[in-house]
Amino acid sequence: MIDNTLPFTASAFNQFLAEKKLMGAYCPQCEATYLPPRAICPQCQGDELVWTEVSGKGELAAFTSIYIAPTFMIEQGFDRNNPYLTGIVELDEGPKISARLLGFDPAQPEQIQIGTPLRVAFLEHGEGDEKKTFLAFQASH
């Protein structure tokens, strides 16, 4: 059961990620779904949005290899010699979301194809109270 009393905040979105759920905001007025979620529909300005779980399936719309990493990624071993990928995924439900990409070689971006079918993946880092779950996508096979 989805807790629709949760506010449309980054904290609530991250709580769902920790539960291995990819959630968006659904507007019953104009039938649009938004990720990341928001409290007011940008299309019709409705404020009756509800949480909805999306399929986690989509396709690659854009991507880039990151060679100059932020501190958090450097701590995971990424740097100029070990890049990682991030991209925009167009979900089957329509919205687009930015996330890490897994299962591709960031050093050979010419082998990555726009339109590649993807499915959601959840990356966990840390332990105990410091454990966090991050959104990622990987190629569907």
N, C-alpha and C. Protein backbone atom coordinates (compact mmCIF):
# COMPACT_ATOMS: atom_id res chain seq x y z
N MET A 1 0.84 -1.19 0.00
CA MET A 1 0.00 0.00 0.00
C MET A 1 0.88 1.25 0.00
N ILE A 2 0.56 2.18 -0.82
CA ILE A 2 1.33 3.41 -0.94
C ILE A 2 0.81 4.43 0.08
N ASP A 3 1.73 5.02 0.83
CA ASP A 3 1.38 6.03 1.82
C ASP A 3 1.23 7.38 1.12
N ASN A 4 -0.01 7.76 0.81
CA ASN A 4 -0.24 9.02 0.11
C ASN A 4 -0.31 10.21 1.06
N THR A 5 0.04 10.00 2.33
CA THR A 5 0.11 11.12 3.26
C THR A 5 1.51 11.74 3.23
N LEU A 6 2.47 11.04 2.63
CA LEU A 6 3.83 11.58 2.55
C LEU A 6 3.85 12.81 1.66
N PRO A 7 4.58 13.85 2.06
CA PRO A 7 4.68 15.04 1.21
C PRO A 7 5.54 14.73 -0.02
N PHE A 8 5.41 15.55 -1.04
CA PHE A 8 6.19 15.38 -2.26
C PHE A 8 7.53 16.08 -2.08
N THR A 9 8.42 15.41 -1.34
CA THR A 9 9.74 15.97 -1.03
C THR A 9 10.82 15.00 -1.47
N ALA A 10 12.06 15.50 -1.53
CA ALA A 10 13.20 14.63 -1.85
C ALA A 10 13.34 13.55 -0.78
N SER A 11 13.06 13.90 0.46
CA SER A 11 13.17 12.93 1.55
C SER A 11 12.19 11.77 1.36
N ALA A 12 10.96 12.06 0.99
CA ALA A 12 9.97 11.01 0.76
C ALA A 12 10.36 10.17 -0.46
N PHE A 13 10.82 10.82 -1.53
CA PHE A 13 11.27 10.11 -2.72
C PHE A 13 12.40 9.15 -2.36
N ASN A 14 13.36 9.63 -1.56
CA ASN A 14 14.48 8.79 -1.14
C ASN A 14 14.02 7.65 -0.23
N GLN A 15 13.01 7.89 0.58
CA GLN A 15 12.45 6.83 1.42
C GLN A 15 11.90 5.70 0.54
N PHE A 16 11.19 6.06 -0.51
CA PHE A 16 10.67 5.04 -1.44
C PHE A 16 11.83 4.31 -2.13
N LEU A 17 12.88 5.04 -2.54
CA LEU A 17 14.03 4.39 -3.16
C LEU A 17 14.62 3.34 -2.22
N ALA A 18 14.70 3.66 -0.93
CA ALA A 18 15.23 2.71 0.05
C ALA A 18 14.37 1.46 0.13
N GLU A 19 13.09 1.60 -0.22
CA GLU A 19 12.15 0.46 -0.25
C GLU A 19 12.15 -0.22 -1.62
N LYS A 20 13.07 0.21 -2.50
CA LYS A 20 13.19 -0.33 -3.87
C LYS A 20 11.92 -0.05 -4.69
N LYS A 21 11.39 1.15 -4.52
CA LYS A 21 10.22 1.59 -5.28
C LYS A 21 10.57 2.89 -6.00
N LEU A 22 10.27 2.95 -7.28
CA LEU A 22 10.43 4.17 -8.05
C LEU A 22 9.06 4.85 -8.12
N MET A 23 8.95 5.95 -7.40
CA MET A 23 7.65 6.61 -7.26
C MET A 23 7.65 7.97 -7.94
N GLY A 24 6.49 8.30 -8.48
CA GLY A 24 6.29 9.60 -9.09
C GLY A 24 5.03 10.24 -8.55
N ALA A 25 4.79 11.46 -8.96
CA ALA A 25 3.57 12.17 -8.60
C ALA A 25 2.62 12.07 -9.79
N TYR A 26 1.40 11.60 -9.53
CA TYR A 26 0.39 11.46 -10.58
C TYR A 26 -0.70 12.50 -10.37
N CYS A 27 -1.03 13.22 -11.44
CA CYS A 27 -2.09 14.23 -11.39
C CYS A 27 -3.36 13.63 -12.00
N PRO A 28 -4.38 13.37 -11.18
CA PRO A 28 -5.62 12.82 -11.72
C PRO A 28 -6.37 13.79 -12.64
N GLN A 29 -6.12 15.10 -12.51
CA GLN A 29 -6.80 16.08 -13.35
C GLN A 29 -6.39 15.99 -14.80
N CYS A 30 -5.07 15.94 -15.05
CA CYS A 30 -4.60 15.90 -16.44
C CYS A 30 -3.91 14.58 -16.79
N GLU A 31 -3.91 13.64 -15.84
CA GLU A 31 -3.39 12.29 -16.02
C GLU A 31 -1.90 12.26 -16.38
N ALA A 32 -1.14 13.21 -15.86
CA ALA A 32 0.30 13.26 -16.10
C ALA A 32 1.04 12.71 -14.88
N THR A 33 2.21 12.10 -15.12
CA THR A 33 3.06 11.59 -14.06
C THR A 33 4.38 12.33 -14.09
N TYR A 34 4.91 12.67 -12.91
CA TYR A 34 6.14 13.46 -12.82
C TYR A 34 7.17 12.79 -11.94
N LEU A 35 8.40 12.78 -12.45
CA LEU A 35 9.57 12.36 -11.69
C LEU A 35 10.67 13.36 -12.00
N PRO A 36 11.38 13.87 -11.02
CA PRO A 36 11.08 13.68 -9.62
C PRO A 36 9.70 14.25 -9.28
N PRO A 37 9.11 13.74 -8.21
CA PRO A 37 7.76 14.17 -7.86
C PRO A 37 7.71 15.64 -7.44
N ARG A 38 6.56 16.22 -7.60
CA ARG A 38 6.34 17.62 -7.20
C ARG A 38 4.94 17.75 -6.63
N ALA A 39 4.70 18.77 -5.85
CA ALA A 39 3.43 18.94 -5.15
C ALA A 39 2.36 19.60 -6.00
N ILE A 40 2.77 20.35 -7.04
CA ILE A 40 1.81 21.03 -7.90
C ILE A 40 2.09 20.63 -9.33
N CYS A 41 1.05 20.28 -10.06
CA CYS A 41 1.19 19.85 -11.45
C CYS A 41 1.61 21.03 -12.32
N PRO A 42 2.75 20.92 -13.02
CA PRO A 42 3.19 22.02 -13.88
C PRO A 42 2.31 22.21 -15.12
N GLN A 43 1.53 21.19 -15.45
CA GLN A 43 0.69 21.28 -16.65
C GLN A 43 -0.63 21.99 -16.37
N CYS A 44 -1.34 21.59 -15.29
CA CYS A 44 -2.67 22.17 -15.01
C CYS A 44 -2.72 22.93 -13.69
N GLN A 45 -1.60 22.98 -12.97
CA GLN A 45 -1.48 23.63 -11.67
C GLN A 45 -2.36 22.98 -10.59
N GLY A 46 -2.81 21.76 -10.85
CA GLY A 46 -3.59 21.03 -9.85
C GLY A 46 -2.73 20.67 -8.65
N ASP A 47 -3.36 20.59 -7.48
CA ASP A 47 -2.61 20.25 -6.27
C ASP A 47 -3.14 19.00 -5.59
N GLU A 48 -3.81 18.16 -6.34
CA GLU A 48 -4.37 16.91 -5.81
C GLU A 48 -3.54 15.71 -6.24
N LEU A 49 -2.25 15.89 -6.40
CA LEU A 49 -1.40 14.81 -6.87
C LEU A 49 -1.31 13.68 -5.84
N VAL A 50 -1.08 12.48 -6.34
CA VAL A 50 -0.94 11.30 -5.49
C VAL A 50 0.32 10.55 -5.90
N TRP A 51 0.91 9.85 -4.94
CA TRP A 51 2.07 9.01 -5.24
C TRP A 51 1.63 7.85 -6.10
N THR A 52 2.45 7.51 -7.08
CA THR A 52 2.19 6.35 -7.92
C THR A 52 3.51 5.64 -8.21
N GLU A 53 3.48 4.33 -8.20
CA GLU A 53 4.69 3.58 -8.53
C GLU A 53 4.77 3.42 -10.03
N VAL A 54 5.93 3.76 -10.61
CA VAL A 54 6.12 3.59 -12.04
C VAL A 54 6.85 2.28 -12.31
N SER A 55 6.80 1.82 -13.54
CA SER A 55 7.33 0.50 -13.90
C SER A 55 8.84 0.38 -13.74
N GLY A 56 9.55 1.49 -13.88
CA GLY A 56 11.01 1.42 -13.85
C GLY A 56 11.60 0.98 -15.17
N LYS A 57 10.77 0.92 -16.20
CA LYS A 57 11.25 0.56 -17.54
C LYS A 57 11.21 1.80 -18.43
N GLY A 58 12.19 1.87 -19.32
CA GLY A 58 12.24 2.99 -20.23
C GLY A 58 13.35 2.81 -21.22
N GLU A 59 13.78 3.94 -21.82
CA GLU A 59 14.88 3.86 -22.77
C GLU A 59 15.79 5.06 -22.59
N LEU A 60 17.03 4.86 -23.01
CA LEU A 60 18.05 5.88 -22.89
C LEU A 60 17.76 7.02 -23.86
N ALA A 61 17.66 8.25 -23.31
CA ALA A 61 17.39 9.43 -24.14
C ALA A 61 18.65 10.26 -24.36
N ALA A 62 19.58 10.24 -23.40
CA ALA A 62 20.84 10.98 -23.49
C ALA A 62 21.78 10.46 -22.42
N PHE A 63 23.09 10.68 -22.61
CA PHE A 63 24.05 10.22 -21.60
C PHE A 63 25.35 10.99 -21.72
N THR A 64 26.17 10.87 -20.69
CA THR A 64 27.51 11.44 -20.71
C THR A 64 28.41 10.64 -19.80
N SER A 65 29.69 10.60 -20.14
CA SER A 65 30.71 10.00 -19.28
C SER A 65 31.26 11.10 -18.39
N ILE A 66 31.37 10.82 -17.09
CA ILE A 66 31.86 11.80 -16.13
C ILE A 66 33.28 11.41 -15.72
N TYR A 67 34.23 12.28 -16.04
CA TYR A 67 35.63 12.04 -15.70
C TYR A 67 36.08 12.87 -14.50
N ILE A 68 35.43 14.00 -14.26
CA ILE A 68 35.75 14.85 -13.11
C ILE A 68 34.60 14.67 -12.13
N ALA A 69 34.82 13.84 -11.13
CA ALA A 69 33.74 13.41 -10.23
C ALA A 69 33.63 14.30 -9.00
N PRO A 70 32.41 14.41 -8.45
CA PRO A 70 32.27 15.08 -7.15
C PRO A 70 32.86 14.19 -6.06
N THR A 71 33.09 14.76 -4.90
CA THR A 71 33.74 14.07 -3.79
C THR A 71 33.11 12.72 -3.49
N PHE A 72 31.79 12.66 -3.44
CA PHE A 72 31.09 11.42 -3.12
C PHE A 72 31.46 10.30 -4.10
N MET A 73 31.60 10.64 -5.38
CA MET A 73 31.94 9.64 -6.39
C MET A 73 33.44 9.32 -6.35
N ILE A 74 34.27 10.30 -6.04
CA ILE A 74 35.71 10.05 -5.89
C ILE A 74 35.94 9.04 -4.77
N GLU A 75 35.16 9.17 -3.68
CA GLU A 75 35.27 8.23 -2.56
C GLU A 75 34.92 6.81 -2.98
N GLN A 76 34.16 6.66 -4.07
CA GLN A 76 33.80 5.34 -4.59
C GLN A 76 34.80 4.85 -5.63
N GLY A 77 35.83 5.65 -5.91
CA GLY A 77 36.88 5.22 -6.83
C GLY A 77 36.78 5.78 -8.23
N PHE A 78 35.86 6.72 -8.48
CA PHE A 78 35.73 7.30 -9.81
C PHE A 78 36.63 8.53 -9.93
N ASP A 79 37.28 8.64 -11.09
CA ASP A 79 38.16 9.78 -11.34
C ASP A 79 38.47 9.85 -12.83
N ARG A 80 39.48 10.62 -13.21
CA ARG A 80 39.84 10.78 -14.63
C ARG A 80 40.18 9.46 -15.31
N ASN A 81 40.68 8.51 -14.54
CA ASN A 81 41.05 7.21 -15.11
C ASN A 81 39.94 6.17 -14.97
N ASN A 82 38.92 6.48 -14.23
CA ASN A 82 37.81 5.55 -14.01
C ASN A 82 36.50 6.34 -14.03
N PRO A 83 36.01 6.70 -15.24
CA PRO A 83 34.79 7.50 -15.35
C PRO A 83 33.54 6.67 -15.04
N TYR A 84 32.44 7.37 -14.85
CA TYR A 84 31.14 6.71 -14.69
C TYR A 84 30.15 7.39 -15.64
N LEU A 85 29.01 6.77 -15.81
CA LEU A 85 28.01 7.28 -16.74
C LEU A 85 26.77 7.79 -15.99
N THR A 86 26.22 8.83 -16.51
CA THR A 86 24.94 9.32 -16.06
C THR A 86 24.12 9.61 -17.32
N GLY A 87 22.80 9.55 -17.18
CA GLY A 87 21.99 9.77 -18.36
C GLY A 87 20.58 10.20 -18.04
N ILE A 88 19.86 10.47 -19.10
CA ILE A 88 18.44 10.79 -19.01
C ILE A 88 17.68 9.58 -19.53
N VAL A 89 16.76 9.10 -18.72
CA VAL A 89 15.96 7.93 -19.07
C VAL A 89 14.52 8.39 -19.28
N GLU A 90 13.97 8.05 -20.44
CA GLU A 90 12.56 8.33 -20.70
C GLU A 90 11.78 7.08 -20.29
N LEU A 91 11.00 7.22 -19.24
CA LEU A 91 10.24 6.09 -18.71
C LEU A 91 9.06 5.75 -19.61
N ASP A 92 8.62 4.50 -19.56
CA ASP A 92 7.48 4.07 -20.36
C ASP A 92 6.24 4.92 -20.08
N GLU A 93 6.13 5.44 -18.85
CA GLU A 93 4.99 6.26 -18.46
C GLU A 93 5.09 7.70 -18.97
N GLY A 94 6.24 8.06 -19.58
CA GLY A 94 6.38 9.38 -20.17
C GLY A 94 7.42 10.30 -19.57
N PRO A 95 7.52 10.38 -18.23
CA PRO A 95 8.50 11.34 -17.70
C PRO A 95 9.93 10.92 -17.96
N LYS A 96 10.82 11.90 -17.90
CA LYS A 96 12.25 11.66 -18.04
C LYS A 96 12.91 11.95 -16.70
N ILE A 97 13.94 11.15 -16.37
CA ILE A 97 14.65 11.35 -15.12
C ILE A 97 16.13 11.08 -15.32
N SER A 98 16.93 11.82 -14.59
CA SER A 98 18.38 11.67 -14.62
C SER A 98 18.81 10.62 -13.60
N ALA A 99 19.78 9.77 -13.98
CA ALA A 99 20.24 8.73 -13.06
C ALA A 99 21.58 8.17 -13.54
N ARG A 100 22.25 7.45 -12.66
CA ARG A 100 23.47 6.72 -13.03
C ARG A 100 23.10 5.62 -14.01
N LEU A 101 24.03 5.28 -14.88
CA LEU A 101 23.84 4.19 -15.84
C LEU A 101 24.84 3.09 -15.51
N LEU A 102 24.36 1.86 -15.47
CA LEU A 102 25.18 0.70 -15.14
C LEU A 102 25.22 -0.27 -16.30
N GLY A 103 26.31 -1.04 -16.37
CA GLY A 103 26.41 -2.09 -17.37
C GLY A 103 26.92 -1.65 -18.72
N PHE A 104 27.41 -0.43 -18.80
CA PHE A 104 28.00 0.09 -20.03
C PHE A 104 29.45 0.45 -19.72
N ASP A 105 30.28 0.55 -20.76
CA ASP A 105 31.67 0.94 -20.57
C ASP A 105 31.79 2.45 -20.79
N PRO A 106 31.97 3.24 -19.71
CA PRO A 106 32.05 4.69 -19.88
C PRO A 106 33.25 5.15 -20.70
N ALA A 107 34.26 4.31 -20.82
CA ALA A 107 35.44 4.68 -21.62
C ALA A 107 35.20 4.45 -23.11
N GLN A 108 34.09 3.81 -23.46
CA GLN A 108 33.77 3.57 -24.87
C GLN A 108 32.33 4.04 -25.17
N PRO A 109 32.08 5.34 -25.04
CA PRO A 109 30.72 5.85 -25.23
C PRO A 109 30.17 5.62 -26.64
N GLU A 110 31.06 5.45 -27.63
CA GLU A 110 30.59 5.23 -29.00
C GLU A 110 29.81 3.92 -29.14
N GLN A 111 29.93 3.02 -28.17
CA GLN A 111 29.22 1.75 -28.22
C GLN A 111 27.84 1.83 -27.56
N ILE A 112 27.52 2.95 -26.94
CA ILE A 112 26.24 3.12 -26.25
C ILE A 112 25.24 3.72 -27.24
N GLN A 113 24.06 3.16 -27.28
CA GLN A 113 23.05 3.60 -28.24
C GLN A 113 21.88 4.30 -27.56
N ILE A 114 21.54 5.49 -28.06
CA ILE A 114 20.32 6.16 -27.62
C ILE A 114 19.16 5.23 -28.01
N GLY A 115 18.18 5.10 -27.13
CA GLY A 115 17.05 4.22 -27.39
C GLY A 115 17.22 2.84 -26.76
N THR A 116 18.39 2.56 -26.15
CA THR A 116 18.61 1.27 -25.50
C THR A 116 17.57 1.07 -24.41
N PRO A 117 16.88 -0.08 -24.39
CA PRO A 117 15.92 -0.36 -23.31
C PRO A 117 16.64 -0.48 -21.97
N LEU A 118 16.06 0.16 -20.95
CA LEU A 118 16.65 0.16 -19.62
C LEU A 118 15.62 -0.25 -18.57
N ARG A 119 16.14 -0.69 -17.43
CA ARG A 119 15.27 -0.98 -16.28
C ARG A 119 15.92 -0.42 -15.04
N VAL A 120 15.11 -0.09 -14.07
CA VAL A 120 15.59 0.54 -12.85
C VAL A 120 16.51 -0.39 -12.06
N ALA A 121 17.47 0.21 -11.39
CA ALA A 121 18.36 -0.49 -10.46
C ALA A 121 18.51 0.42 -9.25
N PHE A 122 18.77 -0.16 -8.11
CA PHE A 122 18.93 0.63 -6.89
C PHE A 122 20.32 0.38 -6.33
N LEU A 123 21.12 1.43 -6.19
CA LEU A 123 22.47 1.32 -5.66
C LEU A 123 22.46 1.69 -4.19
N GLU A 124 23.03 0.83 -3.37
CA GLU A 124 23.11 1.11 -1.94
C GLU A 124 24.55 1.39 -1.55
N HIS A 125 24.75 2.45 -0.76
CA HIS A 125 26.07 2.81 -0.27
C HIS A 125 25.97 3.11 1.22
N GLY A 126 27.00 2.73 1.95
CA GLY A 126 27.04 2.99 3.38
C GLY A 126 26.44 1.83 4.16
N GLU A 127 26.48 1.97 5.48
CA GLU A 127 25.96 0.93 6.37
C GLU A 127 25.18 1.58 7.50
N GLY A 128 24.28 0.81 8.09
CA GLY A 128 23.51 1.28 9.24
C GLY A 128 22.74 2.55 8.93
N ASP A 129 22.84 3.52 9.84
CA ASP A 129 22.13 4.79 9.66
C ASP A 129 22.68 5.61 8.51
N GLU A 130 23.89 5.30 8.06
CA GLU A 130 24.52 6.02 6.96
C GLU A 130 24.16 5.42 5.59
N LYS A 131 23.42 4.32 5.59
CA LYS A 131 23.07 3.64 4.34
C LYS A 131 22.09 4.48 3.53
N LYS A 132 22.40 4.67 2.24
CA LYS A 132 21.53 5.42 1.34
C LYS A 132 21.35 4.63 0.06
N THR A 133 20.20 4.80 -0.55
CA THR A 133 19.88 4.14 -1.80
C THR A 133 19.81 5.20 -2.90
N PHE A 134 20.46 4.92 -4.03
CA PHE A 134 20.50 5.86 -5.14
C PHE A 134 19.88 5.23 -6.38
N LEU A 135 19.29 6.06 -7.19
CA LEU A 135 18.63 5.62 -8.41
C LEU A 135 19.67 5.38 -9.51
N ALA A 136 19.48 4.28 -10.24
CA ALA A 136 20.32 3.95 -11.39
C ALA A 136 19.46 3.18 -12.38
N PHE A 137 19.96 3.04 -13.60
CA PHE A 137 19.30 2.22 -14.60
C PHE A 137 20.35 1.37 -15.28
N GLN A 138 19.94 0.19 -15.73
CA GLN A 138 20.84 -0.71 -16.45
C GLN A 138 20.11 -1.25 -17.68
N ALA A 139 20.89 -1.74 -18.63
CA ALA A 139 20.32 -2.26 -19.86
C ALA A 139 19.43 -3.46 -19.56
N SER A 140 18.27 -3.50 -20.22
CA SER A 140 17.35 -4.65 -20.11
C SER A 140 17.81 -5.70 -21.09
N HIS A 141 17.81 -6.93 -20.66
CA HIS A 141 18.19 -8.02 -21.57
C HIS A 141 17.05 -8.99 -21.72
